[in-house]
């Protein structure tokens, strides 16, 4: 895991290079289940009054990139959540 320096006005950003759950899913041909697991990160952040901004996960890309900002942040408003063809939630404008 890599953590970028915290800047209060820009939130926190960190990146996972490996995920044991995604590795297991890949090895056992279970990637179709991963959107249900990965997408849960979004409501978890909402419960903390935060917004998750993410382009990829380890299951559908090379890394799982997290950018967490306050739920009332202007940044959150400019990165709307979308759904890709595989069912993964991601944020536009990254």
PDB file of N, CA and C in Angstrom:
ATOM      1  N   UNK A   1       0.847  -1.173   0.000  1.00  0.00           N
ATOM      2  CA  UNK A   1       0.000   0.000   0.000  1.00  0.00           C
ATOM      3  C   UNK A   1       0.887   1.229   0.000  1.00  0.00           C
ATOM      4  N   UNK A   2       0.531   2.199  -0.796  1.00  0.00           N
ATOM      5  CA  UNK A   2       1.243   3.474  -0.869  1.00  0.00           C
ATOM      6  C   UNK A   2       0.283   4.575  -0.433  1.00  0.00           C
ATOM      7  N   UNK A   3       0.715   5.411   0.486  1.00  0.00           N
ATOM      8  CA  UNK A   3      -0.108   6.519   0.974  1.00  0.00           C
ATOM      9  C   UNK A   3       0.550   7.824   0.562  1.00  0.00           C
ATOM     10  N   UNK A   4      -0.215   8.655  -0.112  1.00  0.00           N
ATOM     11  CA  UNK A   4       0.272   9.977  -0.506  1.00  0.00           C
ATOM     12  C   UNK A   4       0.196  10.913   0.704  1.00  0.00           C
ATOM     13  N   UNK A   5       0.993  11.971   0.738  1.00  0.00           N
ATOM     14  CA  UNK A   5       0.908  12.932   1.838  1.00  0.00           C
ATOM     15  C   UNK A   5      -0.506  13.512   1.958  1.00  0.00           C
ATOM     16  N   UNK A   6      -0.978  13.652   3.185  1.00  0.00           N
ATOM     17  CA  UNK A   6      -2.319  14.168   3.436  1.00  0.00           C
ATOM     18  C   UNK A   6      -2.356  15.674   3.238  1.00  0.00           C
ATOM     19  N   UNK A   7      -3.323  16.120   2.452  1.00  0.00           N
ATOM     20  CA  UNK A   7      -3.584  17.546   2.260  1.00  0.00           C
ATOM     21  C   UNK A   7      -5.064  17.739   2.571  1.00  0.00           C
ATOM     22  N   UNK A   8      -5.372  18.462   3.634  1.00  0.00           N
ATOM     23  CA  UNK A   8      -6.743  18.571   4.121  1.00  0.00           C
ATOM     24  C   UNK A   8      -7.724  19.005   3.037  1.00  0.00           C
ATOM     25  N   UNK A   9      -7.345  19.930   2.182  1.00  0.00           N
ATOM     26  CA  UNK A   9      -8.258  20.421   1.156  1.00  0.00           C
ATOM     27  C   UNK A   9      -8.422  19.448  -0.012  1.00  0.00           C
ATOM     28  N   UNK A  10      -7.547  18.449  -0.095  1.00  0.00           N
ATOM     29  CA  UNK A  10      -7.604  17.488  -1.203  1.00  0.00           C
ATOM     30  C   UNK A  10      -7.895  16.064  -0.744  1.00  0.00           C
ATOM     31  N   UNK A  11      -8.123  15.846   0.528  1.00  0.00           N
ATOM     32  CA  UNK A  11      -8.424  14.518   1.043  1.00  0.00           C
ATOM     33  C   UNK A  11      -7.183  13.659   1.181  1.00  0.00           C
ATOM     34  N   UNK A  12      -7.413  12.348   1.185  1.00  0.00           N
ATOM     35  CA  UNK A  12      -6.309  11.399   1.319  1.00  0.00           C
ATOM     36  C   UNK A  12      -6.339  10.456   0.121  1.00  0.00           C
ATOM     37  N   UNK A  13      -5.165  10.093  -0.337  1.00  0.00           N
ATOM     38  CA  UNK A  13      -5.059   9.209  -1.487  1.00  0.00           C
ATOM     39  C   UNK A  13      -4.122   8.072  -1.139  1.00  0.00           C
ATOM     40  N   UNK A  14      -4.591   6.856  -1.391  1.00  0.00           N
ATOM     41  CA  UNK A  14      -3.704   5.711  -1.236  1.00  0.00           C
ATOM     42  C   UNK A  14      -4.014   4.665  -2.285  1.00  0.00           C
ATOM     43  N   UNK A  15      -3.046   3.784  -2.485  1.00  0.00           N
ATOM     44  CA  UNK A  15      -3.128   2.832  -3.585  1.00  0.00           C
ATOM     45  C   UNK A  15      -2.661   1.460  -3.096  1.00  0.00           C
ATOM     46  N   UNK A  16      -3.466   0.448  -3.412  1.00  0.00           N
ATOM     47  CA  UNK A  16      -3.091  -0.938  -3.144  1.00  0.00           C
ATOM     48  C   UNK A  16      -2.554  -1.544  -4.432  1.00  0.00           C
ATOM     49  N   UNK A  17      -1.369  -2.134  -4.356  1.00  0.00           N
ATOM     50  CA  UNK A  17      -0.786  -2.804  -5.510  1.00  0.00           C
ATOM     51  C   UNK A  17      -1.209  -4.266  -5.600  1.00  0.00           C
ATOM     52  N   UNK A  18      -1.663  -4.820  -4.495  1.00  0.00           N
ATOM     53  CA  UNK A  18      -2.095  -6.215  -4.452  1.00  0.00           C
ATOM     54  C   UNK A  18      -3.324  -6.346  -3.569  1.00  0.00           C
ATOM     55  N   UNK A  19      -4.174  -7.305  -3.925  1.00  0.00           N
ATOM     56  CA  UNK A  19      -5.359  -7.603  -3.122  1.00  0.00           C
ATOM     57  C   UNK A  19      -5.517  -9.119  -3.091  1.00  0.00           C
ATOM     58  N   UNK A  20      -5.431  -9.753  -1.929  1.00  0.00           N
ATOM     59  CA  UNK A  20      -5.551 -11.205  -1.881  1.00  0.00           C
ATOM     60  C   UNK A  20      -6.916 -11.707  -2.355  1.00  0.00           C
ATOM     61  N   UNK A  21      -7.949 -10.922  -2.158  1.00  0.00           N
ATOM     62  CA  UNK A  21      -9.281 -11.342  -2.617  1.00  0.00           C
ATOM     63  C   UNK A  21      -9.329 -11.343  -4.140  1.00  0.00           C
ATOM     64  N   UNK A  22      -8.819 -10.287  -4.763  1.00  0.00           N
ATOM     65  CA  UNK A  22      -8.798 -10.222  -6.230  1.00  0.00           C
ATOM     66  C   UNK A  22      -7.904 -11.317  -6.804  1.00  0.00           C
ATOM     67  N   UNK A  23      -6.777 -11.594  -6.159  1.00  0.00           N
ATOM     68  CA  UNK A  23      -5.882 -12.655  -6.632  1.00  0.00           C
ATOM     69  C   UNK A  23      -6.571 -14.019  -6.580  1.00  0.00           C
ATOM     70  N   UNK A  24      -7.305 -14.271  -5.515  1.00  0.00           N
ATOM     71  CA  UNK A  24      -8.050 -15.523  -5.397  1.00  0.00           C
ATOM     72  C   UNK A  24      -9.118 -15.600  -6.491  1.00  0.00           C
ATOM     73  N   UNK A  25      -9.844 -14.514  -6.694  1.00  0.00           N
ATOM     74  CA  UNK A  25     -10.893 -14.498  -7.714  1.00  0.00           C
ATOM     75  C   UNK A  25     -10.320 -14.745  -9.107  1.00  0.00           C
ATOM     76  N   UNK A  26      -9.180 -14.147  -9.388  1.00  0.00           N
ATOM     77  CA  UNK A  26      -8.536 -14.370 -10.694  1.00  0.00           C
ATOM     78  C   UNK A  26      -8.108 -15.826 -10.848  1.00  0.00           C
ATOM     79  N   UNK A  27      -7.511 -16.384  -9.815  1.00  0.00           N
ATOM     80  CA  UNK A  27      -7.001 -17.757  -9.879  1.00  0.00           C
ATOM     81  C   UNK A  27      -8.110 -18.794 -10.019  1.00  0.00           C
ATOM     82  N   UNK A  28      -9.287 -18.467  -9.525  1.00  0.00           N
ATOM     83  CA  UNK A  28     -10.396 -19.431  -9.512  1.00  0.00           C
ATOM     84  C   UNK A  28     -11.554 -19.022 -10.427  1.00  0.00           C
ATOM     85  N   UNK A  29     -11.287 -18.104 -11.336  1.00  0.00           N
ATOM     86  CA  UNK A  29     -12.286 -17.677 -12.335  1.00  0.00           C
ATOM     87  C   UNK A  29     -13.570 -17.158 -11.676  1.00  0.00           C
ATOM     88  N   UNK A  30     -13.391 -16.319 -10.676  1.00  0.00           N
ATOM     89  CA  UNK A  30     -14.520 -15.761  -9.934  1.00  0.00           C
ATOM     90  C   UNK A  30     -14.597 -14.241 -10.034  1.00  0.00           C
ATOM     91  N   UNK A  31     -13.955 -13.675 -11.028  1.00  0.00           N
ATOM     92  CA  UNK A  31     -13.942 -12.214 -11.149  1.00  0.00           C
ATOM     93  C   UNK A  31     -15.344 -11.620 -11.289  1.00  0.00           C
ATOM     94  N   UNK A  32     -16.278 -12.388 -11.766  1.00  0.00           N
ATOM     95  CA  UNK A  32     -17.646 -11.879 -11.909  1.00  0.00           C
ATOM     96  C   UNK A  32     -18.270 -11.514 -10.556  1.00  0.00           C
ATOM     97  N   UNK A  33     -17.706 -12.028  -9.468  1.00  0.00           N
ATOM     98  CA  UNK A  33     -18.204 -11.710  -8.131  1.00  0.00           C
ATOM     99  C   UNK A  33     -17.604 -10.432  -7.546  1.00  0.00           C
ATOM    100  N   UNK A  34     -16.509  -9.991  -8.108  1.00  0.00           N
ATOM    101  CA  UNK A  34     -15.760  -8.885  -7.512  1.00  0.00           C
ATOM    102  C   UNK A  34     -16.495  -7.549  -7.474  1.00  0.00           C
ATOM    103  N   UNK A  35     -17.329  -7.192  -8.453  1.00  0.00           N
ATOM    104  CA  UNK A  35     -18.040  -5.919  -8.301  1.00  0.00           C
ATOM    105  C   UNK A  35     -18.851  -5.856  -7.001  1.00  0.00           C
ATOM    106  N   UNK A  36     -19.454  -6.963  -6.608  1.00  0.00           N
ATOM    107  CA  UNK A  36     -20.239  -6.977  -5.367  1.00  0.00           C
ATOM    108  C   UNK A  36     -19.359  -6.699  -4.152  1.00  0.00           C
ATOM    109  N   UNK A  37     -18.117  -7.145  -4.195  1.00  0.00           N
ATOM    110  CA  UNK A  37     -17.206  -6.909  -3.071  1.00  0.00           C
ATOM    111  C   UNK A  37     -16.582  -5.523  -3.136  1.00  0.00           C
ATOM    112  N   UNK A  38     -16.088  -5.143  -4.305  1.00  0.00           N
ATOM    113  CA  UNK A  38     -15.392  -3.857  -4.448  1.00  0.00           C
ATOM    114  C   UNK A  38     -16.337  -2.660  -4.327  1.00  0.00           C
ATOM    115  N   UNK A  39     -17.531  -2.770  -4.880  1.00  0.00           N
ATOM    116  CA  UNK A  39     -18.464  -1.642  -4.859  1.00  0.00           C
ATOM    117  C   UNK A  39     -18.886  -1.265  -3.445  1.00  0.00           C
ATOM    118  N   UNK A  40     -18.784  -2.195  -2.514  1.00  0.00           N
ATOM    119  CA  UNK A  40     -19.152  -1.909  -1.126  1.00  0.00           C
ATOM    120  C   UNK A  40     -18.292  -0.849  -0.463  1.00  0.00           C
ATOM    121  N   UNK A  41     -17.138  -0.545  -1.048  1.00  0.00           N
ATOM    122  CA  UNK A  41     -16.284   0.508  -0.498  1.00  0.00           C
ATOM    123  C   UNK A  41     -16.966   1.872  -0.563  1.00  0.00           C
ATOM    124  N   UNK A  42     -17.806   2.079  -1.574  1.00  0.00           N
ATOM    125  CA  UNK A  42     -18.473   3.371  -1.731  1.00  0.00           C
ATOM    126  C   UNK A  42     -19.474   3.650  -0.600  1.00  0.00           C
ATOM    127  N   UNK A  43     -20.441   2.762  -0.322  1.00  0.00           N
ATOM    128  CA  UNK A  43     -21.343   3.054   0.794  1.00  0.00           C
ATOM    129  C   UNK A  43     -20.636   3.073   2.148  1.00  0.00           C
ATOM    130  N   UNK A  44     -19.537   2.325   2.280  1.00  0.00           N
ATOM    131  CA  UNK A  44     -18.779   2.366   3.533  1.00  0.00           C
ATOM    132  C   UNK A  44     -18.234   3.768   3.773  1.00  0.00           C
ATOM    133  N   UNK A  45     -17.732   4.393   2.740  1.00  0.00           N
ATOM    134  CA  UNK A  45     -17.224   5.767   2.875  1.00  0.00           C
ATOM    135  C   UNK A  45     -18.362   6.743   3.149  1.00  0.00           C
ATOM    136  N   UNK A  46     -19.506   6.532   2.495  1.00  0.00           N
ATOM    137  CA  UNK A  46     -20.660   7.405   2.716  1.00  0.00           C
ATOM    138  C   UNK A  46     -21.108   7.362   4.174  1.00  0.00           C
ATOM    139  N   UNK A  47     -21.018   6.196   4.801  1.00  0.00           N
ATOM    140  CA  UNK A  47     -21.365   6.083   6.221  1.00  0.00           C
ATOM    141  C   UNK A  47     -20.441   6.913   7.100  1.00  0.00           C
ATOM    142  N   UNK A  48     -19.238   7.201   6.589  1.00  0.00           N
ATOM    143  CA  UNK A  48     -18.269   8.019   7.319  1.00  0.00           C
ATOM    144  C   UNK A  48     -18.326   9.492   6.906  1.00  0.00           C
ATOM    145  N   UNK A  49     -19.369   9.867   6.146  1.00  0.00           N
ATOM    146  CA  UNK A  49     -19.516  11.232   5.609  1.00  0.00           C
ATOM    147  C   UNK A  49     -18.347  11.599   4.706  1.00  0.00           C
ATOM    148  N   UNK A  50     -17.930  10.632   3.926  1.00  0.00           N
ATOM    149  CA  UNK A  50     -16.845  10.829   2.974  1.00  0.00           C
ATOM    150  C   UNK A  50     -17.308  10.350   1.600  1.00  0.00           C
ATOM    151  N   UNK A  51     -16.539  10.694   0.593  1.00  0.00           N
ATOM    152  CA  UNK A  51     -16.801  10.243  -0.770  1.00  0.00           C
ATOM    153  C   UNK A  51     -15.563   9.540  -1.282  1.00  0.00           C
ATOM    154  N   UNK A  52     -15.756   8.343  -1.816  1.00  0.00           N
ATOM    155  CA  UNK A  52     -14.668   7.606  -2.438  1.00  0.00           C
ATOM    156  C   UNK A  52     -14.639   7.941  -3.917  1.00  0.00           C
ATOM    157  N   UNK A  53     -13.457   8.267  -4.387  1.00  0.00           N
ATOM    158  CA  UNK A  53     -13.231   8.510  -5.811  1.00  0.00           C
ATOM    159  C   UNK A  53     -12.210   7.466  -6.241  1.00  0.00           C
ATOM    160  N   UNK A  54     -12.588   6.665  -7.234  1.00  0.00           N
ATOM    161  CA  UNK A  54     -11.708   5.569  -7.631  1.00  0.00           C
ATOM    162  C   UNK A  54     -11.879   5.293  -9.125  1.00  0.00           C
ATOM    163  N   UNK A  55     -10.759   4.999  -9.789  1.00  0.00           N
ATOM    164  CA  UNK A  55     -10.791   4.665 -11.206  1.00  0.00           C
ATOM    165  C   UNK A  55     -10.789   3.156 -11.421  1.00  0.00           C
ATOM    166  N   UNK A  56      -9.998   2.428 -10.644  1.00  0.00           N
ATOM    167  CA  UNK A  56      -9.837   0.981 -10.813  1.00  0.00           C
ATOM    168  C   UNK A  56      -9.738   0.277  -9.478  1.00  0.00           C
ATOM    169  N   UNK A  57      -9.880  -1.045  -9.550  1.00  0.00           N
ATOM    170  CA  UNK A  57      -9.573  -1.915  -8.418  1.00  0.00           C
ATOM    171  C   UNK A  57      -8.513  -2.910  -8.887  1.00  0.00           C
ATOM    172  N   UNK A  58      -7.982  -3.690  -7.973  1.00  0.00           N
ATOM    173  CA  UNK A  58      -7.029  -4.741  -8.358  1.00  0.00           C
ATOM    174  C   UNK A  58      -7.714  -5.816  -9.195  1.00  0.00           C
ATOM    175  N   UNK A  59      -9.022  -5.909  -9.092  1.00  0.00           N
ATOM    176  CA  UNK A  59      -9.767  -6.918  -9.841  1.00  0.00           C
ATOM    177  C   UNK A  59      -9.998  -6.519 -11.298  1.00  0.00           C
ATOM    178  N   UNK A  60     -10.126  -5.225 -11.558  1.00  0.00           N
ATOM    179  CA  UNK A  60     -10.379  -4.796 -12.946  1.00  0.00           C
ATOM    180  C   UNK A  60      -9.272  -3.898 -13.498  1.00  0.00           C
ATOM    181  N   UNK A  61      -8.155  -3.837 -12.803  1.00  0.00           N
ATOM    182  CA  UNK A  61      -7.014  -3.036 -13.242  1.00  0.00           C
ATOM    183  C   UNK A  61      -5.755  -3.502 -12.525  1.00  0.00           C
ATOM    184  N   UNK A  62      -4.727  -2.694 -12.605  1.00  0.00           N
ATOM    185  CA  UNK A  62      -3.447  -3.051 -11.977  1.00  0.00           C
ATOM    186  C   UNK A  62      -3.376  -2.685 -10.501  1.00  0.00           C
ATOM    187  N   UNK A  63      -4.124  -1.668 -10.094  1.00  0.00           N
ATOM    188  CA  UNK A  63      -4.098  -1.200  -8.712  1.00  0.00           C
ATOM    189  C   UNK A  63      -5.503  -0.822  -8.261  1.00  0.00           C
ATOM    190  N   UNK A  64      -5.671  -0.740  -6.963  1.00  0.00           N
ATOM    191  CA  UNK A  64      -6.904  -0.212  -6.382  1.00  0.00           C
ATOM    192  C   UNK A  64      -6.542   1.168  -5.838  1.00  0.00           C
ATOM    193  N   UNK A  65      -7.042   2.178  -6.505  1.00  0.00           N
ATOM    194  CA  UNK A  65      -6.687   3.550  -6.143  1.00  0.00           C
ATOM    195  C   UNK A  65      -7.833   4.203  -5.385  1.00  0.00           C
ATOM    196  N   UNK A  66      -7.548   4.654  -4.202  1.00  0.00           N
ATOM    197  CA  UNK A  66      -8.533   5.306  -3.354  1.00  0.00           C
ATOM    198  C   UNK A  66      -8.191   6.783  -3.239  1.00  0.00           C
ATOM    199  N   UNK A  67      -9.189   7.608  -3.425  1.00  0.00           N
ATOM    200  CA  UNK A  67      -9.078   9.032  -3.103  1.00  0.00           C
ATOM    201  C   UNK A  67     -10.309   9.323  -2.275  1.00  0.00           C
ATOM    202  N   UNK A  68     -10.118   9.696  -1.047  1.00  0.00           N
ATOM    203  CA  UNK A  68     -11.226   9.928  -0.129  1.00  0.00           C
ATOM    204  C   UNK A  68     -11.265  11.400   0.228  1.00  0.00           C
ATOM    205  N   UNK A  69     -12.429  12.000  -0.006  1.00  0.00           N
ATOM    206  CA  UNK A  69     -12.648  13.408   0.309  1.00  0.00           C
ATOM    207  C   UNK A  69     -13.933  13.513   1.129  1.00  0.00           C
ATOM    208  N   UNK A  70     -14.131  14.649   1.752  1.00  0.00           N
ATOM    209  CA  UNK A  70     -15.358  14.881   2.505  1.00  0.00           C
ATOM    210  C   UNK A  70     -16.576  14.857   1.593  1.00  0.00           C
ATOM    211  N   UNK A  71     -17.709  14.428   2.127  1.00  0.00           N
ATOM    212  CA  UNK A  71     -18.904  14.297   1.295  1.00  0.00           C
ATOM    213  C   UNK A  71     -19.466  15.630   0.814  1.00  0.00           C
ATOM    214  N   UNK A  72     -19.049  16.716   1.417  1.00  0.00           N
ATOM    215  CA  UNK A  72     -19.500  18.037   0.967  1.00  0.00           C
ATOM    216  C   UNK A  72     -18.430  18.766   0.149  1.00  0.00           C
ATOM    217  N   UNK A  73     -17.374  18.067  -0.151  1.00  0.00           N
ATOM    218  CA  UNK A  73     -16.255  18.624  -0.899  1.00  0.00           C
ATOM    219  C   UNK A  73     -16.649  18.951  -2.333  1.00  0.00           C
ATOM    220  N   UNK A  74     -16.124  20.043  -2.852  1.00  0.00           N
ATOM    221  CA  UNK A  74     -16.334  20.388  -4.262  1.00  0.00           C
ATOM    222  C   UNK A  74     -15.717  19.325  -5.170  1.00  0.00           C
ATOM    223  N   UNK A  75     -14.636  18.707  -4.718  1.00  0.00           N
ATOM    224  CA  UNK A  75     -13.983  17.648  -5.493  1.00  0.00           C
ATOM    225  C   UNK A  75     -14.951  16.492  -5.718  1.00  0.00           C
ATOM    226  N   UNK A  76     -15.699  16.126  -4.686  1.00  0.00           N
ATOM    227  CA  UNK A  76     -16.652  15.021  -4.796  1.00  0.00           C
ATOM    228  C   UNK A  76     -17.704  15.308  -5.862  1.00  0.00           C
ATOM    229  N   UNK A  77     -18.119  16.541  -5.966  1.00  0.00           N
ATOM    230  CA  UNK A  77     -19.151  16.913  -6.935  1.00  0.00           C
ATOM    231  C   UNK A  77     -18.666  16.821  -8.377  1.00  0.00           C
ATOM    232  N   UNK A  78     -17.362  16.941  -8.585  1.00  0.00           N
ATOM    233  CA  UNK A  78     -16.828  16.940  -9.951  1.00  0.00           C
ATOM    234  C   UNK A  78     -16.376  15.558 -10.420  1.00  0.00           C
ATOM    235  N   UNK A  79     -16.585  14.537  -9.593  1.00  0.00           N
ATOM    236  CA  UNK A  79     -16.200  13.170  -9.944  1.00  0.00           C
ATOM    237  C   UNK A  79     -17.393  12.229  -9.727  1.00  0.00           C
ATOM    238  N   UNK A  80     -18.418  12.319 -10.563  1.00  0.00           N
ATOM    239  CA  UNK A  80     -19.608  11.484 -10.355  1.00  0.00           C
ATOM    240  C   UNK A  80     -19.309   9.997 -10.518  1.00  0.00           C
ATOM    241  N   UNK A  81     -20.060   9.200  -9.796  1.00  0.00           N
ATOM    242  CA  UNK A  81     -19.893   7.747  -9.847  1.00  0.00           C
ATOM    243  C   UNK A  81     -20.650   7.183 -11.049  1.00  0.00           C
ATOM    244  N   UNK A  82     -20.018   6.253 -11.728  1.00  0.00           N
ATOM    245  CA  UNK A  82     -20.584   5.589 -12.900  1.00  0.00           C
ATOM    246  C   UNK A  82     -20.456   4.084 -12.704  1.00  0.00           C
ATOM    247  N   UNK A  83     -21.037   3.316 -13.608  1.00  0.00           N
ATOM    248  CA  UNK A  83     -20.914   1.858 -13.611  1.00  0.00           C
ATOM    249  C   UNK A  83     -20.389   1.414 -14.960  1.00  0.00           C
ATOM    250  N   UNK A  84     -19.363   0.564 -14.953  1.00  0.00           N
ATOM    251  CA  UNK A  84     -18.835   0.064 -16.234  1.00  0.00           C
ATOM    252  C   UNK A  84     -19.614  -1.173 -16.681  1.00  0.00           C
ATOM    253  N   UNK A  85     -19.255  -1.722 -17.810  1.00  0.00           N
ATOM    254  CA  UNK A  85     -19.975  -2.860 -18.381  1.00  0.00           C
ATOM    255  C   UNK A  85     -19.906  -4.117 -17.518  1.00  0.00           C
ATOM    256  N   UNK A  86     -18.860  -4.242 -16.706  1.00  0.00           N
ATOM    257  CA  UNK A  86     -18.709  -5.412 -15.841  1.00  0.00           C
ATOM    258  C   UNK A  86     -19.428  -5.239 -14.501  1.00  0.00           C
ATOM    259  N   UNK A  87     -19.960  -4.040 -14.238  1.00  0.00           N
ATOM    260  CA  UNK A  87     -20.672  -3.789 -12.989  1.00  0.00           C
ATOM    261  C   UNK A  87     -19.874  -3.078 -11.918  1.00  0.00           C
ATOM    262  N   UNK A  88     -18.620  -2.732 -12.207  1.00  0.00           N
ATOM    263  CA  UNK A  88     -17.796  -2.009 -11.230  1.00  0.00           C
ATOM    264  C   UNK A  88     -18.203  -0.545 -11.195  1.00  0.00           C
ATOM    265  N   UNK A  89     -18.271  -0.003  -9.992  1.00  0.00           N
ATOM    266  CA  UNK A  89     -18.463   1.427  -9.850  1.00  0.00           C
ATOM    267  C   UNK A  89     -17.106   2.096  -9.980  1.00  0.00           C
ATOM    268  N   UNK A  90     -17.082   3.229 -10.620  1.00  0.00           N
ATOM    269  CA  UNK A  90     -15.856   4.012 -10.769  1.00  0.00           C
ATOM    270  C   UNK A  90     -16.268   5.469 -10.857  1.00  0.00           C
ATOM    271  N   UNK A  91     -15.297   6.344 -10.826  1.00  0.00           N
ATOM    272  CA  UNK A  91     -15.597   7.768 -10.900  1.00  0.00           C
ATOM    273  C   UNK A  91     -15.123   8.352 -12.205  1.00  0.00           C
ATOM    274  N   UNK A  92     -15.989   9.139 -12.775  1.00  0.00           N
ATOM    275  CA  UNK A  92     -15.690   9.821 -14.017  1.00  0.00           C
ATOM    276  C   UNK A  92     -14.733  10.984 -13.728  1.00  0.00           C
ATOM    277  N   UNK A  93     -14.057  11.440 -14.754  1.00  0.00           N
ATOM    278  CA  UNK A  93     -13.180  12.620 -14.692  1.00  0.00           C
ATOM    279  C   UNK A  93     -11.860  12.364 -13.978  1.00  0.00           C
ATOM    280  N   UNK A  94     -11.382  11.149 -13.992  1.00  0.00           N
ATOM    281  CA  UNK A  94     -10.064  10.901 -13.385  1.00  0.00           C
ATOM    282  C   UNK A  94      -9.016  10.795 -14.450  1.00  0.00           C
TER     283      UNK A  94
END
